[in-house]
Amino acid sequence: MTVVQHIKTLIAGLTAKEKEEVVAYLAEPELAVQQSESLRGDWSAAFPTGDNLEDELRDIRSAWEHEWRSEDFAR
């Protein structure tokens, strides 16, 4: 059963007043789905500002290369 089907099943058991309350709740503008213009816009709040991603990736890559070249990895 999908979420929508489950919601429809639940709504079928509501009174007319309860259905009106559900419709009023769903009509709230704060609940409207907002479409962003880009994926960066969607995720921009997840990353701290001022960090240089290229430097971070370079550091990670360097650590991996060092590990791969180590004797422990070669065994």
Protein backbone atom coordinates (compact mmCIF):
# COMPACT_ATOMS: atom_id res chain seq x y z
CA MET A 1 0.00 0.00 0.00
CA THR A 2 1.40 3.39 -0.95
CA VAL A 3 1.36 6.35 1.40
CA VAL A 4 -1.35 8.03 -0.65
CA GLN A 5 -3.50 4.91 -0.58
CA HIS A 6 -3.03 4.69 3.17
CA ILE A 7 -4.04 8.34 3.59
CA LYS A 8 -7.13 7.77 1.45
CA THR A 9 -8.07 4.80 3.62
CA LEU A 10 -7.67 6.87 6.78
CA ILE A 11 -9.68 9.77 5.36
CA ALA A 12 -12.55 7.46 4.45
CA GLY A 13 -13.15 6.89 8.15
CA LEU A 14 -13.29 10.58 9.08
CA THR A 15 -16.37 12.67 9.73
CA ALA A 16 -17.21 15.58 7.45
CA LYS A 17 -15.85 18.01 10.06
CA GLU A 18 -12.59 16.07 10.35
CA LYS A 19 -12.24 16.01 6.56
CA GLU A 20 -12.66 19.81 6.52
CA GLU A 21 -9.90 20.10 9.11
CA VAL A 22 -7.59 17.93 6.99
CA VAL A 23 -8.30 20.04 3.89
CA ALA A 24 -7.65 23.25 5.85
CA TYR A 25 -4.39 21.81 7.16
CA LEU A 26 -3.24 20.79 3.67
CA ALA A 27 -4.16 24.19 2.27
CA GLU A 28 -1.63 25.99 4.50
CA PRO A 29 0.90 27.82 2.27
CA GLU A 30 3.79 26.76 4.54
CA LEU A 31 3.18 23.17 3.48
CA ALA A 32 3.45 23.90 -0.22
CA VAL A 33 6.30 22.07 -1.91
CA GLN A 34 9.01 24.53 -2.78
CA GLN A 35 11.03 23.91 -5.90
CA SER A 36 14.59 25.10 -5.86
CA GLU A 37 16.37 26.29 -8.93
CA SER A 38 19.36 24.03 -8.47
CA LEU A 39 20.72 21.12 -6.49
CA ARG A 40 23.25 23.52 -4.95
CA GLY A 41 20.34 25.55 -3.61
CA ASP A 42 18.84 22.45 -2.02
CA TRP A 43 22.06 21.50 -0.28
CA SER A 44 23.68 24.89 0.36
CA ALA A 45 22.62 24.96 4.01
CA ALA A 46 24.20 21.56 4.63
CA PHE A 47 27.74 22.80 4.04
CA PRO A 48 29.49 25.47 6.06
CA THR A 49 30.44 28.57 4.14
CA GLY A 50 34.06 29.48 3.68
CA ASP A 51 35.29 25.91 3.27
CA ASN A 52 37.20 25.24 0.13
CA LEU A 53 35.90 21.95 -1.23
CA GLU A 54 38.79 21.58 -3.68
CA ASP A 55 41.34 21.81 -0.86
CA GLU A 56 39.42 19.26 1.19
CA LEU A 57 39.23 16.84 -1.73
CA ARG A 58 42.94 17.32 -2.46
CA ASP A 59 43.77 16.47 1.19
CA ILE A 60 41.62 13.33 1.08
CA ARG A 61 43.12 12.24 -2.23
CA SER A 62 46.65 12.80 -0.90
CA ALA A 63 45.93 10.71 2.21
CA TRP A 64 44.55 7.88 0.06
CA GLU A 65 47.57 7.96 -2.25
CA HIS A 66 49.90 7.87 0.74
CA GLU A 67 48.01 4.88 2.14
CA TRP A 68 48.06 3.05 -1.21
CA ARG A 69 51.81 3.52 -1.49
CA SER A 70 52.48 2.32 2.04
CA GLU A 71 53.91 -1.12 2.69
CA ASP A 72 50.83 -2.19 4.67
CA PHE A 73 48.55 -1.70 1.68
CA ALA A 74 50.86 -3.58 -0.69
CA ARG A 75 50.66 -6.77 1.37
